[in-house]
Protein backbone atom coordinates (compact mmCIF):
# COMPACT_ATOMS: atom_id res chain seq x y z
CA MET A 1 -14.39 70.37 112.37
CA LYS A 2 -12.68 68.81 109.35
CA TRP A 3 -11.67 65.83 111.48
CA ILE A 4 -15.24 65.37 112.74
CA SER A 5 -16.65 65.55 109.20
CA THR A 6 -14.14 62.97 107.99
CA VAL A 7 -14.96 60.55 110.82
CA LEU A 8 -18.70 60.90 110.22
CA PHE A 9 -18.24 60.25 106.50
CA CYS A 10 -16.07 57.18 107.20
CA CYS A 11 -18.62 55.87 109.68
CA ALA A 12 -21.33 56.19 107.03
CA GLN A 13 -19.23 54.25 104.52
CA PHE A 14 -18.51 51.47 106.99
CA LEU A 15 -22.13 51.19 108.20
CA GLN A 16 -23.32 50.77 104.63
CA ALA A 17 -20.82 47.96 104.01
CA ALA A 18 -21.58 46.26 107.37
CA GLN A 19 -25.35 46.46 107.02
CA PRO A 20 -25.88 42.68 106.86
CA CYS A 21 -23.96 42.24 110.15
CA ALA A 22 -25.88 45.09 111.81
CA VAL A 23 -29.15 43.18 111.55
CA CYS A 24 -28.11 40.92 114.41
CA HIS A 25 -25.21 42.89 115.88
CA PRO A 26 -26.31 46.55 115.79
CA ARG A 27 -24.42 47.64 118.91
CA GLU A 28 -21.10 46.10 117.82
CA VAL A 29 -21.35 47.52 114.31
CA GLN A 30 -22.34 50.99 115.49
CA GLN A 31 -19.53 51.15 118.05
CA TYR A 32 -16.95 49.73 115.65
CA SER A 33 -17.89 52.30 113.01
CA GLY A 34 -16.19 54.96 115.15
CA SER A 35 -12.97 53.03 115.68
CA PRO A 36 -9.68 53.78 113.89
CA MET A 37 -9.81 50.37 112.14
CA ALA A 38 -13.20 51.16 110.62
CA HIS A 39 -11.76 54.19 108.84
CA ALA A 40 -8.27 52.85 108.16
CA SER A 41 -8.88 54.08 104.60
CA ARG A 42 -11.25 56.63 103.13
CA THR A 43 -11.94 58.79 100.14
CA PRO A 44 -10.55 62.35 100.21
CA GLY A 45 -12.46 65.41 101.27
CA ASN A 46 -12.26 68.00 104.03
CA GLN A 47 -8.59 67.34 104.69
CA THR A 48 -5.83 69.80 105.55
CA SER A 49 -4.30 71.90 102.78
CA GLY A 50 -0.72 73.08 102.88
CA THR A 51 2.68 73.53 101.24
CA PHE A 52 6.18 72.38 102.19
CA THR A 53 9.58 71.86 100.57
CA HIS A 54 11.72 68.75 100.80
CA LYS A 55 15.15 70.34 101.24
CA LEU A 56 17.22 67.31 100.17
CA SER A 57 15.65 67.15 96.72
CA GLY A 58 14.54 70.72 96.34
CA THR A 59 10.99 69.49 95.70
CA THR A 60 7.97 71.57 96.72
CA PHE A 61 4.63 69.92 97.39
CA SER A 62 1.32 71.78 97.54
CA VAL A 63 -1.93 70.26 98.74
CA VAL A 64 -5.37 71.67 98.06
CA SER A 65 -8.30 69.99 99.79
CA THR A 66 -12.00 70.76 99.32
CA PRO A 67 -15.14 69.04 100.57
CA THR A 68 -15.22 67.01 97.34
CA GLY A 69 -11.60 65.95 96.96
CA MET A 70 -7.91 66.60 97.16
CA THR A 71 -5.13 67.49 94.69
CA GLN A 72 -1.40 67.21 95.37
CA ALA A 73 1.04 69.20 93.26
CA ILE A 74 4.74 68.51 92.91
CA ALA A 75 7.34 70.98 91.59
CA ARG A 76 11.08 70.63 91.04
CA HIS A 77 13.50 72.69 88.92
CA GLY A 78 10.66 74.48 87.18
CA ILE A 79 8.71 71.32 86.27
CA THR A 80 5.31 70.81 87.88
CA ALA A 81 2.57 68.18 87.96
CA GLN A 82 -0.73 67.67 89.71
CA TYR A 83 -2.31 64.42 90.90
CA PRO A 84 -5.87 64.01 92.19
CA VAL A 85 -5.84 61.83 95.30
CA ALA A 86 -7.96 58.67 94.98
CA TYR A 87 -7.73 57.25 98.49
CA ILE A 88 -6.42 58.13 101.93
CA ILE A 89 -4.66 55.41 103.89
CA GLY A 90 -4.58 55.46 107.68
CA SER A 91 -7.15 56.49 110.25
CA GLY A 92 -5.57 59.89 110.78
CA SER A 93 -5.04 59.26 114.50
CA HIS A 94 -1.32 59.55 113.87
CA ALA A 95 -0.86 60.16 110.17
CA SER A 96 -2.42 59.81 106.74
CA GLY A 97 -0.90 58.50 103.53
CA TYR A 98 -2.25 59.06 100.04
CA VAL A 99 -2.88 56.96 96.93
CA VAL A 100 -3.23 58.24 93.38
CA ARG A 101 -4.60 56.38 90.40
CA VAL A 102 -2.98 56.44 86.95
CA GLY A 103 -5.26 54.53 84.64
CA ASP A 104 -5.88 51.22 86.37
CA TYR A 105 -2.72 51.46 88.48
CA LEU A 106 -2.36 52.70 92.07
CA PHE A 107 0.68 54.58 93.35
CA GLN A 108 1.68 56.05 96.70
CA SER A 109 2.18 59.75 97.15
CA PRO A 110 5.65 60.77 98.41
CA ILE A 111 4.08 62.89 101.20
CA SER A 112 2.02 62.23 104.31
CA TYR A 113 0.14 64.39 106.77
CA TYR A 114 1.22 63.90 110.41
CA SER A 115 -1.89 64.87 112.34
CA ARG A 116 -0.37 64.83 115.82
CA ARG A 117 2.26 67.33 114.74
CA GLY A 118 -0.08 69.13 112.33
CA VAL A 119 2.47 69.13 109.48
CA TRP A 120 2.98 67.83 105.97
CA ASP A 121 6.25 65.95 105.46
CA MET A 122 7.77 63.11 103.44
CA ALA A 123 6.11 59.70 103.65
CA PRO A 124 8.13 56.89 105.30
CA GLY A 125 10.89 55.72 103.00
CA TYR A 126 10.96 58.90 100.95
CA GLU A 127 13.01 60.98 103.40
CA GLN A 128 16.33 60.36 101.57
CA ASP A 129 14.91 60.24 98.06
CA ARG A 130 16.67 62.82 95.86
CA LEU A 131 14.11 62.53 93.04
CA PRO A 132 10.76 61.83 94.72
CA ASP A 133 7.78 61.26 92.47
CA PHE A 134 4.50 59.37 92.40
CA THR A 135 6.08 56.09 91.34
CA ARG A 136 5.90 53.68 94.32
CA PRO A 137 3.42 50.86 93.49
CA VAL A 138 0.58 50.22 95.90
CA THR A 139 0.31 46.45 95.98
CA TYR A 140 -2.57 44.30 97.10
CA ASP A 141 -0.55 43.32 100.15
CA CYS A 142 -0.12 47.04 100.99
CA LEU A 143 -3.88 47.51 101.01
CA LEU A 144 -4.75 44.42 103.02
CA CYS A 145 -4.59 46.10 106.42
CA HIS A 146 -6.39 49.25 105.34
CA VAL A 147 -9.32 48.34 103.10
CA GLY A 148 -12.18 45.86 103.36
CA SER A 149 -11.95 44.80 99.74
CA SER A 150 -10.07 45.66 96.57
CA PHE A 151 -9.92 44.19 93.06
CA PRO A 152 -6.34 43.46 91.95
CA VAL A 153 -5.59 42.06 88.51
CA ASP A 154 -3.89 38.68 88.80
CA GLU A 155 -0.16 38.49 87.99
CA THR A 156 0.27 42.27 88.25
CA VAL A 157 1.94 44.37 90.93
CA ASN A 158 -0.41 47.33 91.31
CA ARG A 159 -3.10 47.11 88.64
CA TYR A 160 -6.73 46.92 89.76
CA LYS A 161 -10.12 46.41 88.15
CA PRO A 162 -12.88 48.99 88.60
CA PRO A 163 -14.07 50.00 91.14
CA TYR A 164 -10.46 49.39 92.32
CA VAL A 165 -11.28 49.58 96.05
CA GLY A 166 -14.62 48.37 97.32
CA VAL A 167 -15.18 48.59 101.09
CA MET A 168 -13.26 51.33 102.86
CA GLY A 169 -11.80 50.55 106.25
CA ILE A 170 -11.31 47.13 107.87
CA SER A 171 -14.45 45.07 107.41
CA CYS A 172 -15.92 42.51 109.79
CA SER A 173 -14.52 39.58 107.80
CA ARG A 174 -10.93 40.61 108.48
CA CYS A 175 -11.24 39.39 112.07
CA HIS A 176 -14.25 37.07 111.86
CA GLY A 177 -13.54 35.29 108.58
CA PRO A 178 -15.90 34.77 105.62
CA VAL A 179 -19.45 35.68 106.61
CA GLU A 180 -21.48 34.15 103.77
CA ALA A 181 -22.36 30.89 105.56
CA HIS A 182 -23.08 32.76 108.77
CA LEU A 183 -25.48 35.13 107.02
CA ARG A 184 -27.36 32.21 105.48
CA LYS A 185 -27.70 30.37 108.79
CA PRO A 186 -26.33 32.25 111.81
CA SER A 187 -24.45 29.99 114.21
CA ARG A 188 -21.42 30.13 116.47
CA ASP A 189 -20.06 27.23 114.44
CA ASN A 190 -19.73 29.10 111.12
CA ILE A 191 -18.17 32.38 112.24
CA ILE A 192 -14.84 33.12 113.92
CA ASN A 193 -14.73 34.69 117.35
CA PRO A 194 -11.00 35.34 117.96
CA ALA A 195 -11.46 35.18 121.74
CA ARG A 196 -12.58 31.52 121.49
CA LEU A 197 -9.63 30.40 119.35
CA PRO A 198 -6.50 28.61 120.65
CA ALA A 199 -3.75 31.07 121.54
CA LYS A 200 -1.72 30.89 118.31
CA GLU A 201 -4.78 31.17 116.07
CA ARG A 202 -6.25 33.89 118.32
CA ASP A 203 -3.07 35.98 118.23
CA SER A 204 -2.69 35.50 114.47
CA VAL A 205 -5.87 37.49 113.86
CA CYS A 206 -4.24 40.59 115.34
CA GLU A 207 -0.73 39.83 114.13
CA GLN A 208 -1.78 39.84 110.45
CA CYS A 209 -1.77 43.66 110.69
CA HIS A 210 0.02 44.47 113.93
CA LEU A 211 3.26 42.52 113.53
CA THR A 212 5.44 43.45 110.57
CA GLY A 213 8.72 42.14 111.94
CA GLU A 214 11.82 42.53 109.80
CA ALA A 215 10.70 40.21 107.00
CA ARG A 216 7.59 38.31 105.98
CA VAL A 217 8.04 35.21 103.83
CA ALA A 218 5.11 33.44 102.17
CA ASN A 219 5.16 29.65 102.25
CA PRO A 220 5.54 27.89 98.86
CA GLY A 221 2.41 28.36 96.80
CA ARG A 222 0.80 30.73 99.31
CA LYS A 223 0.12 34.47 99.28
CA PHE A 224 -0.01 36.88 102.24
CA SER A 225 -3.59 37.64 101.30
CA GLY A 226 -4.50 33.97 101.68
CA PHE A 227 -4.60 34.11 105.46
CA GLN A 228 -8.04 33.61 106.98
CA PRO A 229 -9.01 34.06 110.63
CA GLY A 230 -8.93 30.72 112.36
CA GLU A 231 -5.58 29.76 110.83
CA LYS A 232 -2.11 30.21 112.25
CA LEU A 233 -0.13 32.82 110.38
CA GLU A 234 2.81 30.43 110.00
CA ASP A 235 0.59 28.07 107.99
CA VAL A 236 0.50 30.81 105.32
CA TYR A 237 3.62 32.90 105.90
CA SER A 238 6.43 33.32 108.40
CA ILE A 239 7.34 36.53 110.24
CA TYR A 240 10.93 37.13 111.31
CA VAL A 241 12.18 39.49 113.99
CA PHE A 242 15.59 40.39 115.34
CA ASP A 243 16.78 38.10 118.10
CA ASN A 244 16.99 40.40 121.10
CA SER A 245 16.68 37.64 123.68
CA GLY A 246 19.87 38.71 125.40
CA HIS A 247 19.02 42.41 125.58
CA SER A 248 16.82 44.67 127.67
CA ALA A 249 13.24 45.22 126.63
CA ALA A 250 13.87 48.95 126.58
CA GLU A 251 14.83 50.52 123.27
CA GLY A 252 15.15 54.07 122.06
CA SER A 253 12.52 53.71 119.34
CA ILE A 254 9.90 51.25 118.18
CA LYS A 255 8.33 50.02 114.95
CA VAL A 256 4.91 51.35 113.99
CA VAL A 257 3.14 48.03 113.52
CA SER A 258 4.94 45.61 115.78
CA GLN A 259 2.68 46.04 118.80
CA ALA A 260 2.42 42.25 119.15
CA GLU A 261 6.24 41.97 119.37
CA GLN A 262 6.35 44.70 121.97
CA LEU A 263 3.57 43.17 124.05
CA ALA A 264 5.30 39.78 124.06
CA LYS A 265 8.34 41.42 125.71
CA SER A 266 6.25 42.72 128.60
CA ALA A 267 6.26 41.07 132.01
CA CYS A 268 2.46 41.13 131.91
CA ALA A 269 2.33 38.89 128.83
CA ARG A 270 5.23 36.67 129.83
CA MET A 271 3.74 35.93 133.24
CA SER A 272 0.21 35.33 131.94
CA GLY A 273 0.97 31.87 130.54
CA GLY A 274 -0.35 32.82 127.13
CA ARG A 275 -3.65 34.12 128.44
CA MET A 276 -2.92 37.79 127.80
CA TRP A 277 -3.52 38.99 124.26
CA CYS A 278 -4.59 42.17 122.49
CA GLY A 279 -8.24 41.60 123.43
CA THR A 280 -7.36 41.54 127.11
CA CYS A 281 -7.08 45.33 127.05
CA HIS A 282 -8.61 46.37 123.72
CA ASP A 283 -12.25 46.11 122.77
CA PRO A 284 -12.04 46.09 118.96
CA HIS A 285 -15.72 47.07 118.66
CA ASN A 286 -15.48 50.13 120.86
CA ARG A 287 -13.22 53.16 121.14
CA PRO A 288 -13.32 54.36 124.75
CA VAL A 289 -14.36 57.95 125.38
CA ASP A 290 -12.22 58.33 128.50
CA VAL A 291 -9.02 56.55 127.48
CA LYS A 292 -7.22 57.00 130.80
CA SER A 293 -10.03 55.59 132.90
CA TYR A 294 -10.76 52.75 130.51
CA PHE A 295 -7.23 51.41 130.44
CA ARG A 296 -6.74 52.04 134.15
CA ASP A 297 -9.72 49.75 134.78
CA ARG A 298 -8.18 47.15 132.48
CA CYS A 299 -4.90 47.30 134.40
CA LEU A 300 -6.62 47.04 137.76
CA THR A 301 -8.45 43.85 136.79
CA CYS A 302 -5.06 42.14 137.22
CA HIS A 303 -3.06 44.52 139.37
CA GLY A 304 -5.70 45.97 141.66
CA PRO A 305 -5.53 43.39 144.46
CA ARG A 306 -1.74 43.33 144.43
CA LEU A 307 -0.93 46.97 143.75
CA PRO A 308 1.76 47.91 146.34
CA GLU A 309 0.95 50.53 148.88
CA SER A 310 4.19 52.18 147.82
CA HIS A 311 2.81 52.86 144.33
CA PRO A 312 2.69 56.65 143.77
CA LYS A 313 -0.68 58.25 144.04
CA THR A 314 -0.96 59.73 140.55
CA SER A 315 -3.69 60.97 138.25
CA GLY A 316 -4.62 57.37 137.46
CA ASP A 317 -3.08 57.48 134.00
CA CYS A 318 -1.47 54.01 133.93
CA ILE A 319 -0.59 54.10 130.25
CA GLY A 320 0.98 57.54 130.55
CA CYS A 321 3.66 56.09 132.83
CA HIS A 322 3.91 52.47 131.74
CA MET A 323 3.05 52.71 128.03
CA PRO A 324 4.41 56.10 126.91
CA THR A 325 4.55 57.18 123.32
CA ARG A 326 7.97 56.78 121.69
CA PRO A 327 9.44 57.84 118.35
CA THR A 328 9.21 55.24 115.60
CA ASN A 329 12.02 54.04 113.37
CA ASP A 330 9.76 53.17 110.43
CA GLY A 331 6.81 55.51 110.65
CA GLY A 332 8.19 58.88 109.68
CA HIS A 333 8.04 61.81 112.04
CA THR A 334 5.55 60.46 114.57
CA ALA A 335 5.28 58.56 117.85
CA PHE A 336 3.22 55.51 118.86
CA THR A 337 2.28 53.81 122.09
CA ASP A 338 4.96 51.48 123.43
CA HIS A 339 3.26 48.15 124.24
CA ARG A 340 6.16 46.76 126.28
CA ILE A 341 4.48 47.96 129.53
CA THR A 342 7.72 48.77 131.30
CA ARG A 343 7.61 48.95 135.11
CA ARG A 344 9.52 52.24 135.21
CA PRO A 345 11.21 54.48 132.63
CA GLU A 346 14.42 52.92 131.36
CA PRO A 347 17.27 54.33 129.30
CA GLY A 348 17.03 53.62 125.61
CA ILE A 349 19.49 51.22 123.97
CA ALA A 350 20.07 50.21 120.38
CA PRO A 351 18.38 46.88 119.61
CA ALA A 352 20.56 43.95 118.60
CA LYS A 353 20.49 43.23 114.88
CA ASP A 354 22.83 40.28 114.64
CA ALA A 355 20.38 37.47 113.90
CA LEU A 356 16.83 36.80 112.78
CA ILE A 357 14.46 34.34 114.40
CA ALA A 358 10.96 33.20 113.48
CA TRP A 359 8.16 34.75 115.48
CA ARG A 360 6.71 31.27 115.41
CA GLU A 361 8.43 28.50 113.48
CA PRO A 362 6.70 27.27 110.32
CA ALA A 363 6.60 23.60 109.35
CA ASN A 364 9.97 21.85 109.47
CA ALA A 365 10.01 21.41 105.69
CA VAL A 366 10.18 25.17 105.04
CA GLN A 367 12.12 26.45 108.06
CA LYS A 368 15.49 26.82 106.29
CA ARG A 369 13.85 28.12 103.12
CA ASN A 370 11.85 30.81 104.88
CA LEU A 371 14.68 31.89 107.18
CA GLY A 372 17.07 32.10 104.21
CA LEU A 373 14.66 34.30 102.29
CA ALA A 374 14.14 36.46 105.37
CA TYR A 375 17.89 37.05 105.69
CA ILE A 376 18.10 38.01 102.04
CA THR A 377 15.14 40.40 102.36
CA ALA A 378 16.63 42.12 105.42
CA GLY A 379 20.14 42.06 103.91
CA GLU A 380 19.02 43.79 100.74
CA ARG A 381 16.99 46.38 102.66
CA ASP A 382 19.73 47.17 105.19
CA GLN A 383 22.70 46.56 102.87
CA ARG A 384 24.17 43.88 105.13
CA PRO A 385 26.38 41.48 103.13
CA GLN A 386 26.64 39.07 106.07
CA PHE A 387 22.85 38.59 106.01
CA LEU A 388 22.94 37.95 102.27
CA ASP A 389 25.67 35.30 102.77
CA ARG A 390 23.73 33.68 105.58
CA GLY A 391 20.57 33.62 103.51
CA LEU A 392 22.30 32.08 100.51
CA SER A 393 23.92 29.42 102.70
CA LEU A 394 20.53 28.46 104.13
CA LEU A 395 18.93 28.22 100.69
CA LEU A 396 21.77 26.10 99.33
CA SER A 397 21.47 23.78 102.32
CA THR A 398 17.95 22.84 101.22
CA GLY A 399 19.41 20.94 98.28
CA ASP A 400 16.90 20.16 95.52
CA SER A 401 13.82 20.54 97.76
CA PHE A 402 13.00 23.91 96.20
CA ALA A 403 14.70 23.53 92.83
CA SER A 404 11.64 24.99 91.06
CA ASP A 405 10.64 27.51 93.68
CA PRO A 406 10.64 31.02 92.09
CA ALA A 407 11.16 32.78 95.44
CA VAL A 408 14.19 30.64 96.30
CA LEU A 409 15.75 30.96 92.83
CA THR A 410 15.16 34.73 92.80
CA GLY A 411 16.71 35.10 96.25
CA MET A 412 19.76 33.15 95.20
CA GLY A 413 20.09 35.22 92.04
CA VAL A 414 19.95 38.48 93.99
CA VAL A 415 22.78 37.36 96.25
CA TYR A 416 24.87 36.09 93.32
CA LEU A 417 24.54 39.50 91.67
CA ARG A 418 25.62 41.32 94.84
CA LYS A 419 28.66 39.00 95.13
CA GLY A 420 29.68 39.60 91.51
CA MET A 421 28.82 36.03 90.49
CA SER A 422 27.05 37.22 87.34
CA ARG A 423 26.82 33.95 85.41
CA GLU A 424 25.45 32.10 88.42
CA ALA A 425 22.84 34.87 88.78
CA LEU A 426 21.92 34.64 85.12
CA ARG A 427 21.56 30.87 85.36
CA VAL A 428 18.98 31.00 88.17
CA PHE A 429 17.14 33.99 86.67
CA GLU A 430 16.75 32.03 83.44
CA ARG A 431 15.22 29.16 85.40
CA VAL A 432 12.73 31.49 87.12
CA ALA A 433 11.72 33.17 83.84
CA ALA A 434 11.13 29.74 82.29
CA ILE A 435 8.74 28.88 85.14
CA ASP A 436 6.68 32.06 84.56
CA PRO A 437 7.64 33.80 81.30
CA ASP A 438 4.84 36.35 81.67
CA SER A 439 6.13 37.86 84.90
CA PRO A 440 7.49 41.38 84.34
CA GLN A 441 9.54 41.06 87.54
CA TYR A 442 11.24 37.88 86.34
CA GLN A 443 11.90 39.43 82.93
CA THR A 444 13.51 42.45 84.63
CA ASN A 445 15.66 40.20 86.81
CA LEU A 446 16.73 38.21 83.78
CA ALA A 447 17.68 41.43 82.04
CA THR A 448 19.89 42.46 84.97
CA GLY A 449 21.60 39.10 84.71
CA PHE A 450 22.36 39.60 81.02
CA ALA A 451 23.50 43.17 81.67
CA ALA A 452 25.88 41.90 84.37
CA ILE A 453 27.69 39.60 81.92
CA GLY A 454 27.87 42.38 79.31
CA ASP A 455 25.11 41.11 76.99
CA GLY A 456 23.32 44.40 76.51
CA ASP A 457 21.28 43.27 73.52
CA SER A 458 19.66 40.42 75.47
CA ALA A 459 19.12 42.73 78.44
CA ILE A 460 17.31 45.23 76.20
CA GLN A 461 15.16 42.45 74.75
CA HIS A 462 13.95 41.29 78.16
CA LEU A 463 13.45 44.81 79.51
CA ASN A 464 11.23 45.61 76.55
CA ARG A 465 9.35 42.39 77.26
CA ALA A 466 8.92 43.44 80.91
CA ILE A 467 7.54 46.85 79.88
CA ASP A 468 5.18 45.23 77.39
CA LEU A 469 3.85 43.07 80.21
CA ASP A 470 3.64 45.93 82.70
CA PRO A 471 3.80 49.49 81.33
CA SER A 472 4.01 50.79 84.93
CA ALA A 473 7.32 49.01 85.69
CA GLU A 474 9.34 52.16 86.34
CA VAL A 475 12.46 50.23 87.36
CA ALA A 476 12.56 48.48 83.95
CA TYR A 477 12.51 51.85 82.18
CA ARG A 478 15.35 53.14 84.39
CA ILE A 479 17.55 50.11 83.76
CA LEU A 480 16.82 50.29 80.01
CA ALA A 481 17.67 53.99 79.85
CA GLY A 482 20.85 53.26 81.80
CA ILE A 483 21.96 50.64 79.29
CA TYR A 484 21.39 53.04 76.41
CA GLN A 485 23.31 55.79 78.25
CA GLU A 486 26.30 53.49 78.77
CA THR A 487 26.45 52.83 75.02
CA HIS A 488 25.89 56.54 74.19
CA ASP A 489 22.65 55.66 72.39
CA ASP A 490 20.88 59.00 72.86
CA ALA A 491 18.01 57.95 70.63
CA GLY A 492 17.40 54.87 72.77
CA VAL A 493 17.41 56.97 75.95
CA LYS A 494 14.95 59.42 74.45
CA GLN A 495 12.69 56.68 73.17
CA THR A 496 12.64 55.01 76.61
CA PHE A 497 11.57 58.16 78.44
CA GLN A 498 9.00 58.97 75.76
CA ARG A 499 7.59 55.48 76.18
CA TYR A 500 7.32 55.94 79.93
CA LEU A 501 5.60 59.32 79.46
CA LYS A 502 2.86 57.56 77.49
CA PHE A 503 2.00 55.69 80.64
CA MET A 504 2.93 58.38 83.25
CA PRO A 505 2.55 61.71 81.38
CA ARG A 506 3.10 63.77 84.53
CA SER A 507 6.43 62.17 85.53
CA LEU A 508 8.83 64.92 86.61
CA ASN A 509 11.91 62.75 86.11
CA ALA A 510 11.02 61.64 82.59
CA ARG A 511 10.09 65.17 81.54
CA ALA A 512 13.34 66.49 83.00
CA ALA A 513 15.33 63.87 81.08
CA LEU A 514 13.64 64.97 77.86
CA GLY A 515 13.98 68.69 78.59
CA LEU A 516 10.21 69.14 78.82
CA ARG A 517 8.27 71.47 81.13
């Protein structure tokens, strides 16, 4: 009953936001309102309560949900805190994540609810965290594929203006583009219908949310949020995946949001000559009541006339055999549908992770730049020095083409630091900070450069500057406290944690450091 109440509430929210579209498209809007995309985010209420303990960190989480809201409590070593949940992320078909608000800043909860298993557990990425807390920033890019609108403050990581999030769920414009001109004078010429687009532009509409790859790299001067339906993704940003061209399509696990990559590996897509796409099987405006029959009919539109007589006479569940659910390697404790449409069950193998390739190549002028940044992103995440070296080599090969590009300079600085080339790192971090002196990230990077060469005073100066610019920059506080600890400056350590508590008064880690309960 809780699930039904939540869906009905989300439908009501979406219908209110989509009211202008419903004037001319009532059936599509009504049907879409019940889809998972329409309630990819929602406000809390009538969720599942519960308690569980994260054994690695010894942290206990307790969740209390009522019809009017939800509170999550965290307790470790006798210190407790409570956070009211502001938003729920995810449709709940597989799992739900949670967002809390501290002042004007949004942060992710360390826990998720996995609805298919009916359990609370750690959110993806928190499984190995020995000191979990509500400190992971929720960026605008994080929200893009879950909310219809939000109001980020420019030049900040996770600060938003009231009302913070506007439209819950994915709105019509995410797939059909800006609707203002169409509302003024409805015409096929001023609205996007993905099915009528050329293949690359058509597929980009779905790939913006259903193809994460291993790294996403924005083109110079562009933001991920700048993509609009009708464009090719690579005109805004490049997506990079592992080159598995020499390996079997079968793997032991899959990524949560790389359905487009999986589908491209299927014989169905490869033999279609580019005609098969997500919309071939999925009606984005309608969630089928009888899933087995619906997708069986979709399969038979192509395979019916040629289906061999030797095909087993089964229950008619095509997807149950050819698109089974598999465990994910990035979704935390759940399983998702495998879109590779394998002919028969195959043994799982480990995917190759030796090289990255572009999903689709960007313009020639940025190919080396973007691939280099992708290697550095994946190398940092997976702690692969060879990827860092390859990324640095690619960036250096671009010569002076991106001499004032903050992303390129930052990437080079990161690799220099990892290689122990501290002065080279400091040099490029200084250049980046000069380009944008009001960026807390660049100030923090510059501080790490000074710390690496042993100039603690300059590092402290720039860390304080970073915190002044962004009082939520938890990493800057941690580095600053670490510098004070190395010099046995107990007063500096105490002052740093006290300063952080002014912004995040419920922080377990800061309170533990200060001996507070």
